[in-house]
């Protein structure tokens, strides 16, 4: 005799357990077949086929390779909730020795988007299978291009995925190797940083290294700029606002006895305060202008504006926490610190209330899943898949 199911949480957890073999197959297929940002055509087709099998209506080709699906429960007009997952992978060569290793050299799901897509497919199944047990309508957003500017979320917002009608709120999740499988975490208010790119080209006058009096050495100019920007960050007027300024690329293409004409630098600027973010852009431009003018160099300094900071609506995040505690137990739900990583989920959360929470994916019993995000050995404890799908469905139905 099967145990009696008394609550919605038990019902959804039972369904999630029943489909765990399917969740495993979905995740491993996606992991083995990654695609880069805005190139997720095979991934889109795969998701569409699975939605068709479930009898869930959808529209594909949104913002190129995105999908928007709809699941209706009882009283479908009573509320509308949006759920989001991202589809793209990273330009990383996988080094894991697993049967589902990436079959595409130089491309890997090193940020867990295969898990995100699997979770949303699983939530779609749970919600549609149990559609007489919850009220409202769910809009499922499978988003391309999270890893690259301008961010697939911004494109989908521009195409109106949050309109006609407007959802009450949106939920999104991200894998989190800092927590073990079975646990989740979240933070109300400002949670993740904005992220802007820095592209600086300094043009001087190159020549023979033995004749410096005839040159404007762009390498020296770049060095002075880097030190000045570092001091600017140390001495900024609002040091309490967490900020990151980092340059990870510098290219001069000279030689031991050749001073190049040009130096290129690329970096990132991140902040947890939007007002300071744009003020700092202007101040950095002024520093570069002053040093290049003094040194007799010219420059081209571009700051492509990237993702805004992620803001989790406090009231919604409280409801999300209650749902997670009901589904997992209070001891499995954690408060998280602010992070200087970025996410284009912020574009959705700037339009309607949003909550972006973290799904624990490391193994509590082994080293599996402890490798960091964006590394060639990133993997997850696949026991997290049941939680990812079940909690997303339950939170959507109850928040």
Protein backbone atom coordinates (compact mmCIF):
# COMPACT_ATOMS: atom_id res chain seq x y z
CA UNK A 1 0.00 0.00 0.00
CA UNK A 2 1.46 3.34 -1.07
CA UNK A 3 1.79 6.07 1.60
CA UNK A 4 -0.90 8.73 1.57
CA UNK A 5 0.16 12.08 0.11
CA UNK A 6 -1.13 14.88 2.32
CA UNK A 7 0.49 18.06 1.02
CA UNK A 8 1.40 19.72 -2.25
CA UNK A 9 5.07 19.56 -1.24
CA UNK A 10 4.81 15.78 -0.78
CA UNK A 11 2.98 15.42 -4.10
CA UNK A 12 5.60 17.38 -6.02
CA UNK A 13 8.49 15.64 -4.26
CA UNK A 14 6.97 12.26 -5.08
CA UNK A 15 6.59 13.22 -8.75
CA UNK A 16 10.16 14.56 -8.83
CA UNK A 17 11.44 11.25 -7.45
CA UNK A 18 9.41 9.30 -10.02
CA UNK A 19 10.99 11.21 -12.89
CA UNK A 20 14.52 11.22 -11.49
CA UNK A 21 15.75 8.78 -14.20
CA UNK A 22 14.38 11.16 -16.82
CA UNK A 23 16.00 14.14 -15.14
CA UNK A 24 19.29 12.28 -15.25
CA UNK A 25 18.90 11.51 -18.96
CA UNK A 26 18.00 15.13 -19.77
CA UNK A 27 20.92 16.55 -17.86
CA UNK A 28 23.47 14.15 -19.30
CA UNK A 29 22.27 14.72 -22.86
CA UNK A 30 22.49 18.48 -22.41
CA UNK A 31 25.88 18.24 -20.76
CA UNK A 32 27.29 16.10 -23.56
CA UNK A 33 25.92 18.45 -26.24
CA UNK A 34 26.72 22.01 -25.13
CA UNK A 35 26.35 25.05 -27.36
CA UNK A 36 27.76 28.54 -27.05
CA UNK A 37 25.70 31.68 -26.47
CA UNK A 38 23.17 32.49 -29.21
CA UNK A 39 24.06 29.22 -30.98
CA UNK A 40 21.81 26.92 -28.94
CA UNK A 41 19.87 25.52 -31.92
CA UNK A 42 20.22 21.83 -31.04
CA UNK A 43 19.43 22.62 -27.40
CA UNK A 44 16.32 24.53 -28.45
CA UNK A 45 15.16 21.64 -30.61
CA UNK A 46 15.77 19.17 -27.78
CA UNK A 47 13.75 21.21 -25.28
CA UNK A 48 10.95 21.65 -27.81
CA UNK A 49 10.75 17.90 -28.41
CA UNK A 50 10.50 17.23 -24.68
CA UNK A 51 7.79 19.87 -24.24
CA UNK A 52 5.86 18.31 -27.14
CA UNK A 53 6.00 14.92 -25.42
CA UNK A 54 4.47 16.53 -22.32
CA UNK A 55 1.74 18.22 -24.37
CA UNK A 56 2.88 21.66 -23.23
CA UNK A 57 2.32 24.50 -25.74
CA UNK A 58 5.31 26.70 -26.52
CA UNK A 59 6.81 29.23 -28.90
CA UNK A 60 10.37 28.65 -30.09
CA UNK A 61 12.87 30.92 -31.83
CA UNK A 62 12.29 33.73 -29.33
CA UNK A 63 15.34 36.02 -29.43
CA UNK A 64 16.88 33.51 -31.81
CA UNK A 65 17.09 30.31 -29.78
CA UNK A 66 14.82 30.96 -26.80
CA UNK A 67 11.58 29.20 -25.91
CA UNK A 68 8.52 30.36 -24.00
CA UNK A 69 6.09 27.68 -22.81
CA UNK A 70 2.84 27.79 -20.85
CA UNK A 71 1.43 25.44 -18.21
CA UNK A 72 -2.05 26.04 -16.80
CA UNK A 73 -3.46 24.86 -13.49
CA UNK A 74 -6.87 25.38 -11.91
CA UNK A 75 -8.30 28.88 -12.25
CA UNK A 76 -5.65 29.81 -14.84
CA UNK A 77 -6.49 33.51 -14.69
CA UNK A 78 -5.93 33.76 -10.94
CA UNK A 79 -2.18 34.41 -11.21
CA UNK A 80 0.72 34.24 -13.64
CA UNK A 81 4.22 33.28 -12.49
CA UNK A 82 7.34 33.18 -14.67
CA UNK A 83 10.15 30.64 -14.33
CA UNK A 84 13.50 31.01 -16.09
CA UNK A 85 16.40 28.78 -17.11
CA UNK A 86 19.37 29.53 -19.37
CA UNK A 87 20.59 27.32 -22.21
CA UNK A 88 24.14 28.29 -23.19
CA UNK A 89 27.55 26.82 -22.37
CA UNK A 90 31.06 28.25 -22.11
CA UNK A 91 34.15 28.17 -24.37
CA UNK A 92 36.03 25.73 -22.09
CA UNK A 93 37.50 22.32 -22.90
CA UNK A 94 36.11 19.77 -20.44
CA UNK A 95 38.60 17.62 -18.50
CA UNK A 96 36.15 15.38 -16.64
CA UNK A 97 36.42 11.62 -17.18
CA UNK A 98 32.70 10.83 -17.28
CA UNK A 99 30.46 9.05 -19.79
CA UNK A 100 28.55 12.26 -20.45
CA UNK A 101 31.64 14.42 -21.10
CA UNK A 102 31.18 17.16 -23.70
CA UNK A 103 31.41 15.82 -27.24
CA UNK A 104 32.25 19.28 -28.55
CA UNK A 105 35.91 20.27 -28.10
CA UNK A 106 36.29 23.68 -26.54
CA UNK A 107 32.66 23.91 -25.38
CA UNK A 108 31.42 22.84 -21.94
CA UNK A 109 28.55 23.33 -19.52
CA UNK A 110 30.93 24.68 -16.87
CA UNK A 111 28.31 26.96 -15.29
CA UNK A 112 25.53 24.44 -14.78
CA UNK A 113 23.06 25.67 -17.38
CA UNK A 114 22.42 22.02 -18.26
CA UNK A 115 21.13 21.62 -14.71
CA UNK A 116 19.04 24.79 -14.98
CA UNK A 117 17.38 23.61 -18.20
CA UNK A 118 16.78 20.16 -16.72
CA UNK A 119 15.22 21.71 -13.61
CA UNK A 120 12.81 23.78 -15.67
CA UNK A 121 11.87 20.82 -17.86
CA UNK A 122 11.29 18.81 -14.69
CA UNK A 123 9.22 21.59 -13.15
CA UNK A 124 7.17 21.71 -16.37
CA UNK A 125 6.46 17.98 -16.06
CA UNK A 126 5.58 18.20 -12.35
CA UNK A 127 3.28 21.17 -12.84
CA UNK A 128 1.52 19.79 -15.92
CA UNK A 129 1.09 16.30 -14.45
CA UNK A 130 -0.42 17.74 -11.25
CA UNK A 131 -2.28 20.64 -12.89
CA UNK A 132 -5.44 20.05 -10.83
CA UNK A 133 -3.54 20.59 -7.57
CA UNK A 134 -2.49 24.25 -7.99
CA UNK A 135 -3.96 27.54 -9.18
CA UNK A 136 -2.80 29.87 -11.90
CA UNK A 137 -0.62 29.79 -14.99
CA UNK A 138 3.14 29.32 -15.35
CA UNK A 139 5.21 30.95 -18.08
CA UNK A 140 8.39 28.94 -18.65
CA UNK A 141 11.27 30.93 -20.15
CA UNK A 142 14.21 29.03 -21.65
CA UNK A 143 16.73 31.78 -22.33
CA UNK A 144 19.71 31.91 -24.69
CA UNK A 145 22.95 33.79 -24.24
CA UNK A 146 23.34 34.36 -20.51
CA UNK A 147 27.13 34.25 -20.78
CA UNK A 148 27.61 37.00 -23.38
CA UNK A 149 26.59 40.62 -23.75
CA UNK A 150 24.04 41.99 -24.28
CA UNK A 151 22.53 39.05 -22.35
CA UNK A 152 19.73 36.92 -23.70
CA UNK A 153 17.47 38.11 -20.89
CA UNK A 154 17.67 41.67 -22.18
CA UNK A 155 16.74 40.46 -25.68
CA UNK A 156 13.78 38.46 -24.40
CA UNK A 157 12.55 41.35 -22.28
CA UNK A 158 12.79 43.51 -25.39
CA UNK A 159 10.64 41.02 -27.28
CA UNK A 160 7.96 41.23 -24.60
CA UNK A 161 8.23 37.88 -22.79
CA UNK A 162 7.11 39.61 -19.58
CA UNK A 163 4.05 41.21 -21.16
CA UNK A 164 0.53 40.34 -22.35
CA UNK A 165 -0.13 39.74 -19.50
CA UNK A 166 2.57 40.74 -17.03
CA UNK A 167 3.56 37.98 -14.54
CA UNK A 168 3.26 38.72 -10.82
CA UNK A 169 6.90 37.72 -10.38
CA UNK A 170 9.73 35.60 -11.76
CA UNK A 171 11.92 32.90 -10.19
CA UNK A 172 15.31 31.67 -11.32
CA UNK A 173 17.90 29.32 -9.87
CA UNK A 174 21.62 28.74 -10.26
CA UNK A 175 23.86 25.83 -9.30
CA UNK A 176 26.00 26.49 -6.25
CA UNK A 177 28.96 24.21 -5.44
CA UNK A 178 29.42 25.97 -2.08
CA UNK A 179 26.35 24.09 -0.77
CA UNK A 180 25.77 20.32 -0.81
CA UNK A 181 23.02 18.74 -2.85
CA UNK A 182 19.75 18.92 -0.94
CA UNK A 183 20.38 22.46 0.28
CA UNK A 184 19.49 25.87 -1.19
CA UNK A 185 20.39 29.47 -0.41
CA UNK A 186 19.15 32.96 -1.13
CA UNK A 187 19.52 36.60 -0.16
CA UNK A 188 16.96 39.41 -0.13
CA UNK A 189 17.80 42.77 -1.65
CA UNK A 190 20.92 43.44 -3.71
CA UNK A 191 22.56 40.06 -4.20
CA UNK A 192 24.89 40.10 -7.23
CA UNK A 193 27.01 42.77 -8.86
CA UNK A 194 26.62 44.68 -12.07
CA UNK A 195 29.23 43.77 -14.68
CA UNK A 196 30.67 46.08 -17.35
CA UNK A 197 33.51 45.43 -19.77
CA UNK A 198 36.55 47.69 -20.16
CA UNK A 199 38.25 47.94 -23.57
CA UNK A 200 41.18 50.36 -23.74
CA UNK A 201 43.50 50.98 -26.69
CA UNK A 202 46.49 53.27 -26.09
CA UNK A 203 48.35 54.57 -29.14
CA UNK A 204 51.81 56.02 -28.76
CA UNK A 205 54.84 56.13 -31.04
CA UNK A 206 56.91 52.99 -31.25
CA UNK A 207 60.36 52.30 -32.57
CA UNK A 208 63.79 50.99 -31.60
CA UNK A 209 64.01 50.38 -27.86
CA UNK A 210 67.50 51.90 -27.85
CA UNK A 211 66.11 55.28 -28.91
CA UNK A 212 63.47 56.10 -26.29
CA UNK A 213 63.80 59.87 -26.81
CA UNK A 214 61.98 59.49 -30.13
CA UNK A 215 59.05 57.50 -28.75
CA UNK A 216 55.89 57.56 -26.70
CA UNK A 217 55.94 54.13 -25.13
CA UNK A 218 52.33 52.92 -24.80
CA UNK A 219 53.43 50.17 -22.40
CA UNK A 220 54.61 52.77 -19.90
CA UNK A 221 51.42 54.76 -20.41
CA UNK A 222 49.36 51.63 -19.80
CA UNK A 223 51.36 50.87 -16.66
CA UNK A 224 50.72 54.33 -15.27
CA UNK A 225 47.02 54.04 -16.04
CA UNK A 226 46.75 50.66 -14.32
CA UNK A 227 48.40 51.99 -11.16
CA UNK A 228 46.25 55.13 -11.22
CA UNK A 229 43.07 53.11 -11.56
CA UNK A 230 44.18 50.86 -8.71
CA UNK A 231 44.73 53.90 -6.50
CA UNK A 232 41.38 55.31 -7.58
CA UNK A 233 39.69 52.14 -6.34
CA UNK A 234 41.58 52.25 -3.03
CA UNK A 235 40.81 55.92 -2.43
CA UNK A 236 37.26 56.06 -3.81
CA UNK A 237 34.82 58.20 -1.82
CA UNK A 238 32.50 55.30 -0.95
CA UNK A 239 34.74 52.36 0.00
CA UNK A 240 31.85 50.68 1.80
CA UNK A 241 30.30 49.82 -1.59
CA UNK A 242 31.84 46.56 -2.79
CA UNK A 243 33.58 47.12 -6.12
CA UNK A 244 35.86 45.09 -8.36
CA UNK A 245 38.12 46.55 -11.06
CA UNK A 246 40.34 44.05 -12.81
CA UNK A 247 42.27 43.85 -16.06
CA UNK A 248 42.90 40.33 -17.32
CA UNK A 249 44.27 41.10 -20.77
CA UNK A 250 47.15 43.28 -21.97
CA UNK A 251 48.75 43.04 -25.40
CA UNK A 252 51.64 45.07 -26.77
CA UNK A 253 53.17 42.94 -29.54
CA UNK A 254 56.59 44.53 -29.35
CA UNK A 255 59.88 42.69 -28.82
CA UNK A 256 63.01 42.91 -26.66
CA UNK A 257 64.23 45.81 -28.75
CA UNK A 258 60.95 47.00 -30.32
CA UNK A 259 58.52 49.41 -28.68
CA UNK A 260 55.03 48.87 -30.15
CA UNK A 261 52.82 51.66 -31.38
CA UNK A 262 49.80 50.34 -29.55
CA UNK A 263 48.74 48.52 -26.40
CA UNK A 264 45.35 46.88 -25.83
CA UNK A 265 43.83 46.19 -22.43
CA UNK A 266 40.61 44.40 -21.47
CA UNK A 267 39.03 44.21 -18.05
CA UNK A 268 35.91 44.15 -15.95
CA UNK A 269 34.24 46.61 -13.60
CA UNK A 270 31.69 45.38 -11.07
CA UNK A 271 29.69 47.12 -8.39
CA UNK A 272 26.78 46.60 -6.01
CA UNK A 273 25.58 50.21 -6.36
CA UNK A 274 24.10 51.44 -9.64
CA UNK A 275 24.66 55.16 -8.98
CA UNK A 276 28.33 54.64 -8.11
CA UNK A 277 28.68 52.32 -11.10
CA UNK A 278 28.08 55.04 -13.67
CA UNK A 279 29.90 57.71 -11.68
CA UNK A 280 32.97 55.46 -11.68
CA UNK A 281 32.73 55.03 -15.45
CA UNK A 282 33.12 58.78 -15.89
CA UNK A 283 35.95 59.07 -13.37
CA UNK A 284 37.88 56.24 -15.04
CA UNK A 285 37.54 58.00 -18.39
CA UNK A 286 38.93 61.19 -16.84
CA UNK A 287 41.93 59.35 -15.40
CA UNK A 288 42.77 57.78 -18.75
CA UNK A 289 42.36 61.12 -20.55
CA UNK A 290 44.60 62.96 -18.11
CA UNK A 291 47.46 60.43 -18.25
CA UNK A 292 47.39 59.99 -22.02
CA UNK A 293 47.32 63.75 -22.57
CA UNK A 294 50.27 64.23 -20.21
CA UNK A 295 52.22 61.44 -21.93
CA UNK A 296 51.42 62.50 -25.49
CA UNK A 297 49.44 59.35 -26.31
CA UNK A 298 46.00 58.97 -27.78
CA UNK A 299 43.41 56.45 -26.62
CA UNK A 300 40.10 54.78 -27.29
CA UNK A 301 38.35 53.77 -24.08
CA UNK A 302 35.09 51.86 -24.45
CA UNK A 303 32.98 50.72 -21.50
CA UNK A 304 30.21 48.47 -22.85
CA UNK A 305 27.45 48.57 -20.24
CA UNK A 306 26.70 45.02 -19.19
CA UNK A 307 24.33 43.43 -16.70
CA UNK A 308 22.75 45.42 -13.86
CA UNK A 309 23.10 44.18 -10.31
CA UNK A 310 20.68 41.43 -9.28
CA UNK A 311 18.04 42.66 -6.84
CA UNK A 312 15.89 40.07 -5.09
CA UNK A 313 12.53 41.51 -4.10
CA UNK A 314 12.49 41.18 -0.27
CA UNK A 315 8.81 40.17 0.03
CA UNK A 316 9.09 37.60 -2.74
CA UNK A 317 12.37 36.28 -1.35
CA UNK A 318 10.69 35.79 2.03
CA UNK A 319 7.92 33.79 0.34
CA UNK A 320 10.53 31.82 -1.57
CA UNK A 321 12.31 31.02 1.67
CA UNK A 322 9.06 29.83 3.27
CA UNK A 323 8.41 27.60 0.26
CA UNK A 324 11.93 26.18 0.40
CA UNK A 325 11.64 25.47 4.13
CA UNK A 326 8.31 23.73 3.57
CA UNK A 327 9.77 21.64 0.77
CA UNK A 328 13.21 20.85 2.20
CA UNK A 329 13.14 21.72 5.92
CA UNK A 330 14.46 24.87 7.56
CA UNK A 331 17.89 23.35 8.17
CA UNK A 332 18.41 23.00 4.40
CA UNK A 333 17.79 26.69 3.60
CA UNK A 334 20.61 29.20 4.03
CA UNK A 335 21.21 32.93 3.94
CA UNK A 336 23.90 33.85 1.43
CA UNK A 337 26.37 36.75 1.31
CA UNK A 338 26.51 39.23 -1.55
CA UNK A 339 28.49 38.10 -4.60
CA UNK A 340 30.57 40.03 -7.12
CA UNK A 341 29.63 37.65 -9.91
CA UNK A 342 26.92 38.83 -12.30
CA UNK A 343 23.78 37.42 -13.91
CA UNK A 344 21.52 38.72 -16.65
CA UNK A 345 18.51 37.50 -14.64
CA UNK A 346 18.75 41.10 -13.40
CA UNK A 347 17.04 42.29 -16.59
CA UNK A 348 13.97 40.23 -15.68
CA UNK A 349 14.06 41.30 -12.02
CA UNK A 350 14.26 44.96 -13.04
CA UNK A 351 10.94 44.62 -14.84
CA UNK A 352 8.93 42.61 -12.30
CA UNK A 353 9.66 41.32 -8.78
CA UNK A 354 12.23 38.55 -8.97
CA UNK A 355 14.02 36.04 -6.78
CA UNK A 356 17.24 34.38 -7.89
CA UNK A 357 18.17 31.55 -5.54
CA UNK A 358 20.99 28.98 -5.35
CA UNK A 359 20.77 25.20 -5.69
CA UNK A 360 23.39 23.21 -3.78
CA UNK A 361 25.21 20.84 -6.14
CA UNK A 362 28.29 19.46 -4.37
CA UNK A 363 28.40 15.98 -2.88
CA UNK A 364 28.30 15.80 0.92
CA UNK A 365 30.11 12.45 0.77
CA UNK A 366 32.85 12.93 -1.84
CA UNK A 367 34.83 15.51 -3.80
CA UNK A 368 32.24 15.48 -6.60
CA UNK A 369 30.92 18.90 -7.46
CA UNK A 370 33.42 20.90 -5.41
CA UNK A 371 35.28 22.24 -8.45
CA UNK A 372 34.42 25.88 -9.03
CA UNK A 373 32.17 27.31 -11.69
CA UNK A 374 33.78 28.12 -15.05
CA UNK A 375 36.50 25.47 -14.57
CA UNK A 376 37.19 22.50 -16.89
CA UNK A 377 36.42 20.00 -14.12
CA UNK A 378 33.10 21.46 -12.97
CA UNK A 379 30.43 18.84 -12.34
CA UNK A 380 27.50 18.34 -9.98
CA UNK A 381 26.10 15.76 -7.63
CA UNK A 382 23.12 14.68 -9.71
CA UNK A 383 21.02 14.11 -6.59
CA UNK A 384 20.45 17.86 -6.86
CA UNK A 385 18.31 17.38 -9.97
CA UNK A 386 15.26 16.19 -8.02
CA UNK A 387 15.50 19.21 -5.74
CA UNK A 388 16.04 21.58 -8.64
CA UNK A 389 12.91 20.46 -10.45
CA UNK A 390 10.66 19.83 -7.46
CA UNK A 391 11.45 23.01 -5.55
CA UNK A 392 11.07 25.19 -8.63
CA UNK A 393 7.63 23.72 -9.30
CA UNK A 394 6.56 24.00 -5.66
CA UNK A 395 7.81 27.56 -5.29
CA UNK A 396 5.99 28.58 -8.46
CA UNK A 397 2.76 27.08 -7.19
CA UNK A 398 2.96 28.60 -3.71
CA UNK A 399 4.68 32.00 -3.94
